[in-house]
Protein backbone atom coordinates (compact mmCIF):
# COMPACT_ATOMS: atom_id res chain seq x y z
CA UNK A 1 17.39 -101.81 -23.26
CA UNK A 2 15.27 -103.75 -25.74
CA UNK A 3 15.91 -106.94 -23.74
CA UNK A 4 14.37 -105.31 -20.65
CA UNK A 5 11.29 -104.11 -22.56
CA UNK A 6 10.61 -107.57 -24.00
CA UNK A 7 11.28 -109.55 -20.80
CA UNK A 8 8.54 -111.43 -18.96
CA UNK A 9 9.38 -109.69 -15.70
CA UNK A 10 8.77 -106.26 -17.22
CA UNK A 11 5.57 -107.44 -18.90
CA UNK A 12 4.24 -108.91 -15.63
CA UNK A 13 5.22 -105.80 -13.69
CA UNK A 14 3.48 -103.48 -16.13
CA UNK A 15 0.42 -105.75 -16.25
CA UNK A 16 0.17 -105.64 -12.46
CA UNK A 17 0.61 -101.89 -12.46
CA UNK A 18 -2.15 -101.47 -15.04
CA UNK A 19 -4.47 -103.78 -13.09
CA UNK A 20 -3.82 -101.83 -9.91
CA UNK A 21 -4.47 -98.50 -11.61
CA UNK A 22 -7.77 -99.74 -13.04
CA UNK A 23 -8.80 -101.16 -9.65
CA UNK A 24 -8.03 -97.84 -7.93
CA UNK A 25 -10.52 -96.02 -10.12
CA UNK A 26 -13.10 -98.78 -10.58
CA UNK A 27 -13.46 -99.99 -6.99
CA UNK A 28 -13.72 -96.68 -5.15
CA UNK A 29 -16.73 -96.43 -2.86
CA UNK A 30 -19.27 -93.96 -4.20
CA UNK A 31 -20.13 -92.33 -0.87
CA UNK A 32 -16.78 -92.48 0.87
CA UNK A 33 -17.32 -89.23 2.77
CA UNK A 34 -21.13 -89.45 3.15
CA UNK A 35 -21.11 -90.87 6.69
CA UNK A 36 -20.82 -88.35 9.52
CA UNK A 37 -17.70 -88.44 11.66
CA UNK A 38 -17.83 -90.27 14.97
CA UNK A 39 -18.89 -88.25 18.00
CA UNK A 40 -15.96 -87.01 20.08
CA UNK A 41 -15.37 -88.74 23.37
CA UNK A 42 -16.11 -86.54 26.36
CA UNK A 43 -13.37 -87.27 28.85
CA UNK A 44 -14.89 -85.30 31.73
CA UNK A 45 -17.92 -87.58 31.86
CA UNK A 46 -15.67 -90.63 31.81
CA UNK A 47 -13.65 -89.26 34.74
CA UNK A 48 -16.80 -88.51 36.76
CA UNK A 49 -18.07 -92.07 36.27
CA UNK A 50 -14.79 -93.65 37.34
CA UNK A 51 -14.90 -91.92 40.80
CA UNK A 52 -18.15 -93.68 41.78
């Protein structure tokens, strides 16, 4: 068990995990939900225009 904890693979894995965890919290957009949702597509109007 001590060989696993001192191995380079474990150290690199944990370093990558820590970097990813920090990036998740540090790089989040501040206004992620500030933009309004896209307008719904009205299919009836699209069908009326395709008949012409």
